[in-house]
C-alpha atoms as a PDB file:
ATOM      1  CA  MET A   1      13.148 -19.151  13.216  1.00  0.00           C
ATOM      2  CA  ALA A   2      10.737 -18.881  10.392  1.00  0.00           C
ATOM      3  CA  ASN A   3      10.646 -15.890   8.266  1.00  0.00           C
ATOM      4  CA  LEU A   4       8.277 -13.096   9.169  1.00  0.00           C
ATOM      5  CA  VAL A   5       5.368 -11.388   7.353  1.00  0.00           C
ATOM      6  CA  ILE A   6       4.984  -7.845   8.434  1.00  0.00           C
ATOM      7  CA  GLY A   7       2.080  -5.753   7.413  1.00  0.00           C
ATOM      8  CA  ILE A   8       2.230  -1.991   7.203  1.00  0.00           C
ATOM      9  CA  GLU A   9      -1.088  -0.104   6.774  1.00  0.00           C
ATOM     10  CA  GLY A  10      -1.973   3.441   7.559  1.00  0.00           C
ATOM     11  CA  LEU A  11      -3.650   6.854   7.083  1.00  0.00           C
ATOM     12  CA  VAL A  12      -3.091   8.525   3.861  1.00  0.00           C
ATOM     13  CA  GLY A  13       0.142  10.484   3.886  1.00  0.00           C
ATOM     14  CA  ALA A  14       1.365   8.946   7.226  1.00  0.00           C
ATOM     15  CA  GLY A  15       4.506   7.636   5.602  1.00  0.00           C
ATOM     16  CA  LYS A  16       3.966   3.920   5.087  1.00  0.00           C
ATOM     17  CA  THR A  17       6.214   3.522   2.170  1.00  0.00           C
ATOM     18  CA  SER A  18       9.023   5.459   3.747  1.00  0.00           C
ATOM     19  CA  ILE A  19       8.828   3.404   6.738  1.00  0.00           C
ATOM     20  CA  CYS A  20       8.720   0.089   4.761  1.00  0.00           C
ATOM     21  CA  ARG A  21      11.819   1.086   2.756  1.00  0.00           C
ATOM     22  CA  GLU A  22      13.710   1.945   6.060  1.00  0.00           C
ATOM     23  CA  LEU A  23      12.624  -1.315   7.516  1.00  0.00           C
ATOM     24  CA  LEU A  24      14.549  -3.022   4.622  1.00  0.00           C
ATOM     25  CA  LYS A  25      17.791  -1.756   6.144  1.00  0.00           C
ATOM     26  CA  PHE A  26      17.202  -3.160   9.548  1.00  0.00           C
ATOM     27  CA  ILE A  27      15.278  -6.519   8.967  1.00  0.00           C
ATOM     28  CA  PRO A  28      17.732  -9.152   7.568  1.00  0.00           C
ATOM     29  CA  ASN A  29      17.095 -11.070   4.291  1.00  0.00           C
ATOM     30  CA  SER A  30      13.988  -8.814   3.700  1.00  0.00           C
ATOM     31  CA  ILE A  31      11.958  -7.864   0.640  1.00  0.00           C
ATOM     32  CA  LEU A  32       9.211  -5.174   0.214  1.00  0.00           C
ATOM     33  CA  PHE A  33       5.954  -6.029  -1.410  1.00  0.00           C
ATOM     34  CA  HIS A  34       4.180  -2.903  -2.551  1.00  0.00           C
ATOM     35  CA  GLY A  35       0.547  -4.238  -2.472  1.00  0.00           C
ATOM     36  CA  GLY A  36      -0.819  -0.961  -2.925  1.00  0.00           C
ATOM     37  CA  ASN A  37       1.184  -0.101  -6.135  1.00  0.00           C
ATOM     38  CA  LEU A  38      -0.135  -3.303  -7.775  1.00  0.00           C
ATOM     39  CA  TYR A  39      -3.780  -2.198  -7.322  1.00  0.00           C
ATOM     40  CA  ARG A  40      -2.976   1.378  -8.272  1.00  0.00           C
ATOM     41  CA  ALA A  41      -1.420  -0.029 -11.506  1.00  0.00           C
ATOM     42  CA  ILE A  42      -4.529  -2.224 -12.284  1.00  0.00           C
ATOM     43  CA  VAL A  43      -6.836   0.799 -11.936  1.00  0.00           C
ATOM     44  CA  TYR A  44      -4.344   3.176 -13.961  1.00  0.00           C
ATOM     45  CA  ALA A  45      -4.173   0.652 -16.705  1.00  0.00           C
ATOM     46  CA  MET A  46      -8.027   0.404 -16.823  1.00  0.00           C
ATOM     47  CA  MET A  47      -8.290   4.211 -16.873  1.00  0.00           C
ATOM     48  CA  LYS A  48      -5.502   4.467 -19.580  1.00  0.00           C
ATOM     49  CA  ASN A  49      -7.389   1.856 -21.760  1.00  0.00           C
ATOM     50  CA  GLY A  50     -10.578   3.977 -21.768  1.00  0.00           C
ATOM     51  CA  LYS A  51     -12.519   3.119 -18.491  1.00  0.00           C
ATOM     52  CA  ASN A  52     -13.423   6.266 -16.770  1.00  0.00           C
ATOM     53  CA  LEU A  53     -13.993   6.522 -13.076  1.00  0.00           C
ATOM     54  CA  GLU A  54     -17.866   6.844 -13.083  1.00  0.00           C
ATOM     55  CA  GLU A  55     -18.050   3.677 -15.275  1.00  0.00           C
ATOM     56  CA  LEU A  56     -15.723   1.837 -12.858  1.00  0.00           C
ATOM     57  CA  LYS A  57     -17.935   2.862  -9.972  1.00  0.00           C
ATOM     58  CA  LYS A  58     -21.084   1.820 -11.613  1.00  0.00           C
ATOM     59  CA  GLN A  59     -19.589  -1.641 -12.109  1.00  0.00           C
ATOM     60  CA  GLY A  60     -19.218  -2.102  -8.364  1.00  0.00           C
ATOM     61  CA  LYS A  61     -19.006  -5.839  -7.517  1.00  0.00           C
ATOM     62  CA  ASP A  62     -19.174  -6.888 -11.250  1.00  0.00           C
ATOM     63  CA  LEU A  63     -15.610  -5.512 -11.654  1.00  0.00           C
ATOM     64  CA  ASP A  64     -13.149  -8.292 -10.955  1.00  0.00           C
ATOM     65  CA  ILE A  65      -9.778  -6.569 -10.214  1.00  0.00           C
ATOM     66  CA  LYS A  66      -7.756  -9.744 -10.963  1.00  0.00           C
ATOM     67  CA  GLU A  67      -9.521 -10.003 -14.341  1.00  0.00           C
ATOM     68  CA  MET A  68      -8.485  -6.598 -15.028  1.00  0.00           C
ATOM     69  CA  MET A  69      -4.968  -7.397 -14.207  1.00  0.00           C
ATOM     70  CA  ASP A  70      -4.862 -10.246 -16.472  1.00  0.00           C
ATOM     71  CA  LEU A  71      -6.473  -8.342 -19.244  1.00  0.00           C
ATOM     72  CA  PHE A  72      -4.436  -5.453 -19.212  1.00  0.00           C
ATOM     73  CA  ASN A  73      -1.137  -7.553 -18.746  1.00  0.00           C
ATOM     74  CA  VAL A  74      -0.158  -6.028 -15.400  1.00  0.00           C
ATOM     75  CA  LYS A  75       2.605  -7.893 -13.850  1.00  0.00           C
ATOM     76  CA  ILE A  76       4.534  -7.662 -10.443  1.00  0.00           C
ATOM     77  CA  GLU A  77       8.276  -8.349 -10.264  1.00  0.00           C
ATOM     78  CA  LEU A  78      10.854  -8.349  -7.480  1.00  0.00           C
ATOM     79  CA  GLU A  79      13.907  -6.012  -8.270  1.00  0.00           C
ATOM     80  CA  ASN A  80      16.285  -4.792  -5.676  1.00  0.00           C
ATOM     81  CA  ARG A  81      14.306  -6.169  -2.725  1.00  0.00           C
ATOM     82  CA  GLU A  82      11.247  -4.532  -3.889  1.00  0.00           C
ATOM     83  CA  THR A  83       8.351  -5.200  -6.052  1.00  0.00           C
ATOM     84  CA  VAL A  84       8.086  -2.994  -9.211  1.00  0.00           C
ATOM     85  CA  ILE A  85       5.199  -2.936 -11.760  1.00  0.00           C
ATOM     86  CA  TYR A  86       5.069  -3.760 -15.520  1.00  0.00           C
ATOM     87  CA  ILE A  87       2.258  -3.100 -17.801  1.00  0.00           C
ATOM     88  CA  ASP A  88       2.388  -4.731 -21.234  1.00  0.00           C
ATOM     89  CA  GLY A  89       6.271  -5.276 -20.627  1.00  0.00           C
ATOM     90  CA  GLU A  90       6.962  -1.827 -19.794  1.00  0.00           C
ATOM     91  CA  LYS A  91       8.136  -0.881 -16.382  1.00  0.00           C
ATOM     92  CA  ILE A  92       5.785   1.912 -14.905  1.00  0.00           C
ATOM     93  CA  ASP A  93       7.371   4.630 -13.021  1.00  0.00           C
ATOM     94  CA  GLU A  94       6.197   4.802  -9.174  1.00  0.00           C
ATOM     95  CA  ASP A  95       5.420   8.603  -9.494  1.00  0.00           C
ATOM     96  CA  ILE A  96       2.630   7.786 -12.170  1.00  0.00           C
ATOM     97  CA  ILE A  97       0.666   5.546 -10.081  1.00  0.00           C
ATOM     98  CA  GLN A  98       1.247   7.454  -6.949  1.00  0.00           C
ATOM     99  CA  SER A  99      -0.281  10.589  -8.561  1.00  0.00           C
ATOM    100  CA  LYS A 100      -3.027  12.297  -7.040  1.00  0.00           C
ATOM    101  CA  GLU A 101      -5.536  11.444  -9.713  1.00  0.00           C
ATOM    102  CA  ALA A 102      -4.480   7.592  -9.499  1.00  0.00           C
ATOM    103  CA  SER A 103      -4.690   7.626  -5.687  1.00  0.00           C
ATOM    104  CA  MET A 104      -8.241   9.253  -5.626  1.00  0.00           C
ATOM    105  CA  ALA A 105      -9.430   6.527  -8.305  1.00  0.00           C
ATOM    106  CA  VAL A 106      -8.006   3.732  -6.207  1.00  0.00           C
ATOM    107  CA  SER A 107      -9.670   4.976  -3.158  1.00  0.00           C
ATOM    108  CA  THR A 108     -12.977   5.179  -5.050  1.00  0.00           C
ATOM    109  CA  VAL A 109     -12.882   1.954  -6.835  1.00  0.00           C
ATOM    110  CA  GLY A 110     -11.059  -0.176  -3.977  1.00  0.00           C
ATOM    111  CA  GLY A 111     -14.086  -0.559  -1.727  1.00  0.00           C
ATOM    112  CA  LYS A 112     -16.591  -1.229  -4.493  1.00  0.00           C
ATOM    113  CA  ALA A 113     -15.031  -3.756  -6.790  1.00  0.00           C
ATOM    114  CA  ASP A 114     -14.584  -7.460  -6.451  1.00  0.00           C
ATOM    115  CA  ASN A 115     -11.133  -8.005  -5.073  1.00  0.00           C
ATOM    116  CA  ARG A 116     -11.409 -11.740  -4.003  1.00  0.00           C
ATOM    117  CA  LYS A 117      -9.386 -13.154  -6.718  1.00  0.00           C
ATOM    118  CA  LEU A 118      -6.691 -10.556  -6.524  1.00  0.00           C
ATOM    119  CA  PHE A 119      -6.400 -11.011  -2.779  1.00  0.00           C
ATOM    120  CA  ALA A 120      -6.072 -14.764  -3.183  1.00  0.00           C
ATOM    121  CA  TYR A 121      -3.418 -14.184  -5.809  1.00  0.00           C
ATOM    122  CA  ALA A 122      -1.524 -11.646  -3.430  1.00  0.00           C
ATOM    123  CA  LYS A 123      -1.750 -14.282  -0.359  1.00  0.00           C
ATOM    124  CA  ASN A 124      -0.187 -16.877  -2.619  1.00  0.00           C
ATOM    125  CA  LEU A 125       2.506 -14.630  -3.825  1.00  0.00           C
ATOM    126  CA  ILE A 126       3.340 -13.578  -0.040  1.00  0.00           C
ATOM    127  CA  GLU A 127       3.569 -17.267   0.740  1.00  0.00           C
ATOM    128  CA  GLU A 128       6.009 -18.089  -1.966  1.00  0.00           C
ATOM    129  CA  GLN A 129       8.136 -15.160  -0.902  1.00  0.00           C
ATOM    130  CA  LYS A 130       8.017 -16.083   2.840  1.00  0.00           C
ATOM    131  CA  SER A 131       9.593 -19.440   2.027  1.00  0.00           C
ATOM    132  CA  LEU A 132      12.761 -17.339   1.061  1.00  0.00           C
ATOM    133  CA  TYR A 133      12.551 -13.990   2.724  1.00  0.00           C
ATOM    134  CA  ASN A 134      11.090 -11.970   5.486  1.00  0.00           C
ATOM    135  CA  VAL A 135       8.323 -10.091   3.814  1.00  0.00           C
ATOM    136  CA  ILE A 136       7.224  -6.656   4.629  1.00  0.00           C
ATOM    137  CA  VAL A 137       3.946  -5.857   3.008  1.00  0.00           C
ATOM    138  CA  SER A 138       2.488  -2.522   2.396  1.00  0.00           C
ATOM    139  CA  GLY A 139      -1.085  -2.006   1.275  1.00  0.00           C
ATOM    140  CA  ARG A 140      -4.762  -2.183   2.377  1.00  0.00           C
ATOM    141  CA  ALA A 141      -7.026  -4.842   3.855  1.00  0.00           C
ATOM    142  CA  LEU A 142      -3.880  -6.837   4.932  1.00  0.00           C
ATOM    143  CA  THR A 143      -5.504  -8.789   7.724  1.00  0.00           C
ATOM    144  CA  THR A 144      -7.977  -9.901   5.099  1.00  0.00           C
ATOM    145  CA  ILE A 145      -5.506 -10.759   2.433  1.00  0.00           C
ATOM    146  CA  TYR A 146      -3.129 -12.553   4.800  1.00  0.00           C
ATOM    147  CA  PRO A 147      -4.545 -13.280   8.234  1.00  0.00           C
ATOM    148  CA  GLU A 148      -1.390 -15.059   9.255  1.00  0.00           C
ATOM    149  CA  LEU A 149       0.502 -11.810   9.576  1.00  0.00           C
ATOM    150  CA  ASP A 150       3.373 -12.089  12.272  1.00  0.00           C
ATOM    151  CA  TYR A 151       2.993  -8.334  12.884  1.00  0.00           C
ATOM    152  CA  HIS A 152       0.417  -5.836  11.617  1.00  0.00           C
ATOM    153  CA  PHE A 153       1.091  -1.933  12.151  1.00  0.00           C
ATOM    154  CA  PHE A 154      -1.280   0.849  11.535  1.00  0.00           C
ATOM    155  CA  ILE A 155       0.696   4.234  10.980  1.00  0.00           C
ATOM    156  CA  THR A 156      -1.168   7.333  12.054  1.00  0.00           C
ATOM    157  CA  ALA A 157      -0.369  11.107  12.309  1.00  0.00           C
ATOM    158  CA  ASP A 158      -2.283  14.246  12.621  1.00  0.00           C
ATOM    159  CA  LEU A 159      -3.949  15.632   9.505  1.00  0.00           C
ATOM    160  CA  ASP A 160      -1.798  18.793   9.093  1.00  0.00           C
ATOM    161  CA  GLU A 161       1.230  16.669   9.391  1.00  0.00           C
ATOM    162  CA  ARG A 162       0.072  14.309   6.751  1.00  0.00           C
ATOM    163  CA  VAL A 163      -0.464  17.221   4.408  1.00  0.00           C
ATOM    164  CA  LYS A 164       2.851  18.657   4.916  1.00  0.00           C
ATOM    165  CA  ARG A 165       4.380  15.222   4.073  1.00  0.00           C
ATOM    166  CA  LYS A 166       2.388  14.918   0.859  1.00  0.00           C
ATOM    167  CA  CYS A 167       3.317  18.434   0.076  1.00  0.00           C
ATOM    168  CA  MET A 168       6.983  17.456   0.114  1.00  0.00           C
ATOM    169  CA  GLN A 169       6.086  14.433  -2.115  1.00  0.00           C
ATOM    170  CA  TYR A 170       4.290  16.624  -4.760  1.00  0.00           C
ATOM    171  CA  ASN A 171       7.106  19.129  -4.455  1.00  0.00           C
ATOM    172  CA  GLY A 172       5.008  22.142  -4.983  1.00  0.00           C
ATOM    173  CA  LYS A 173       2.741  20.903  -7.642  1.00  0.00           C
ATOM    174  CA  GLU A 174      -0.261  21.068  -5.415  1.00  0.00           C
ATOM    175  CA  THR A 175      -1.318  23.680  -2.871  1.00  0.00           C
ATOM    176  CA  PHE A 176      -1.526  22.865   0.840  1.00  0.00           C
ATOM    177  CA  GLU A 177      -5.264  23.294   0.692  1.00  0.00           C
ATOM    178  CA  ASP A 178      -5.758  21.012  -2.293  1.00  0.00           C
ATOM    179  CA  ILE A 179      -3.713  18.399  -0.876  1.00  0.00           C
ATOM    180  CA  LYS A 180      -5.672  18.675   2.514  1.00  0.00           C
ATOM    181  CA  ASN A 181      -9.028  18.351   0.827  1.00  0.00           C
ATOM    182  CA  ASN A 182      -7.816  15.563  -1.240  1.00  0.00           C
ATOM    183  CA  ILE A 183      -6.542  13.490   1.911  1.00  0.00           C
ATOM    184  CA  ILE A 184      -9.824  14.224   3.620  1.00  0.00           C
ATOM    185  CA  LYS A 185     -11.818  12.805   0.795  1.00  0.00           C
ATOM    186  CA  ARG A 186      -9.652   9.786   0.538  1.00  0.00           C
ATOM    187  CA  ASP A 187      -9.704   9.164   4.316  1.00  0.00           C
ATOM    188  CA  LYS A 188     -13.444   9.190   4.038  1.00  0.00           C
ATOM    189  CA  LEU A 189     -13.528   6.742   1.065  1.00  0.00           C
ATOM    190  CA  GLN A 190     -10.913   4.354   2.686  1.00  0.00           C
ATOM    191  CA  GLU A 191     -12.955   4.319   6.050  1.00  0.00           C
ATOM    192  CA  GLU A 192     -16.262   3.695   4.210  1.00  0.00           C
ATOM    193  CA  ALA A 193     -14.619   0.774   2.245  1.00  0.00           C
ATOM    194  CA  GLY A 194     -13.373  -0.823   5.582  1.00  0.00           C
ATOM    195  CA  PHE A 195      -9.832  -0.284   5.013  1.00  0.00           C
ATOM    196  CA  TYR A 196      -8.937   1.778   8.140  1.00  0.00           C
ATOM    197  CA  ARG A 197     -10.440  -1.242  10.272  1.00  0.00           C
ATOM    198  CA  ILE A 198      -8.115  -1.964  13.388  1.00  0.00           C
ATOM    199  CA  SER A 199      -8.082  -5.589  14.399  1.00  0.00           C
ATOM    200  CA  GLU A 200      -7.227  -6.874  17.846  1.00  0.00           C
ATOM    201  CA  ASN A 201      -3.724  -7.870  16.767  1.00  0.00           C
ATOM    202  CA  THR A 202      -2.929  -4.493  15.242  1.00  0.00           C
ATOM    203  CA  LYS A 203      -0.494  -2.125  16.654  1.00  0.00           C
ATOM    204  CA  GLU A 204      -1.117   1.491  16.067  1.00  0.00           C
ATOM    205  CA  ILE A 205       1.934   3.701  15.717  1.00  0.00           C
ATOM    206  CA  ASP A 206       1.553   7.430  15.786  1.00  0.00           C
ATOM    207  CA  VAL A 207       4.438   9.288  14.030  1.00  0.00           C
ATOM    208  CA  THR A 208       3.106  12.773  14.236  1.00  0.00           C
ATOM    209  CA  ASP A 209       5.984  13.910  16.332  1.00  0.00           C
ATOM    210  CA  CYS A 210       8.887  11.994  14.343  1.00  0.00           C
ATOM    211  CA  LYS A 211      11.082  14.256  12.553  1.00  0.00           C
ATOM    212  CA  THR A 212      12.465  11.810  10.414  1.00  0.00           C
ATOM    213  CA  VAL A 213      11.825   8.592   8.670  1.00  0.00           C
ATOM    214  CA  LYS A 214      14.349   6.815  10.837  1.00  0.00           C
ATOM    215  CA  GLU A 215      12.622   7.935  13.936  1.00  0.00           C
ATOM    216  CA  SER A 216       9.312   6.822  12.697  1.00  0.00           C
ATOM    217  CA  THR A 217      10.695   3.307  11.594  1.00  0.00           C
ATOM    218  CA  GLU A 218      12.444   2.814  15.159  1.00  0.00           C
ATOM    219  CA  LYS A 219       8.963   3.204  16.708  1.00  0.00           C
ATOM    220  CA  VAL A 220       7.789   0.324  14.468  1.00  0.00           C
ATOM    221  CA  LEU A 221      11.032  -1.790  15.003  1.00  0.00           C
ATOM    222  CA  SER A 222      10.561  -1.549  18.730  1.00  0.00           C
ATOM    223  CA  ASN A 223       7.687  -3.696  18.569  1.00  0.00           C
ATOM    224  CA  ILE A 224       9.303  -6.436  16.410  1.00  0.00           C
ATOM    225  CA  LYS A 225      11.226  -9.386  17.449  1.00  0.00           C
ATOM    226  CA  LEU A 226      13.872  -9.712  14.735  1.00  0.00           C
ATOM    227  CA  PRO A 227      14.659 -13.207  13.448  1.00  0.00           C
ATOM    228  CA  GLN A 228      18.099 -14.716  14.398  1.00  0.00           C
ATOM    229  CA  VAL A 229      20.768 -14.488  11.649  1.00  0.00           C
ATOM    230  CA  VAL A 230      22.223 -17.954  11.196  1.00  0.00           C
END
């Protein structure tokens, strides 16, 4: 049986990344491609090098994200079955690119910039890895980037539940109300950018009532026909 490509998208704070990491335990010969982290790292590198958010917004479609990736030497590598990010040869901690500021910047820029070359790069990378592994991809616009997905899941949860989960992630650094307002803003930006689009082949998975990551993951797994181990 050919290797699978499984796309995981979802609402802000619904637990996409946690589910993806749990899937690694159950899907044989699998790797996790953090597509969202690559985009976050590129935007983070631009801002770190003096580009402010308003300037990036004004550039709109003149802002080629793949050119920025090359300009600021952003690299994606595979380590311990997951992709990690390097900028100018330095490995970037995931907490930095997952910060509230970086997340808001990506939600703002993502729908305005020219993503075509980056999407083509990502598609080629997925194809290369599929020849070797079952590939779990987390990110946005996955049906656009890789229309040949074997499975496409969209993870949802109630707003308050998503806020609770983000509160745990930020470990008391942000208030409940601040996180809630941030999620509402990001939801609006993602929807306006078309990143919450559901295709006819998308399976929506509501994890509001799931008490653990394992429970959420089992909901996803119940919809996947796993490849035979030879």
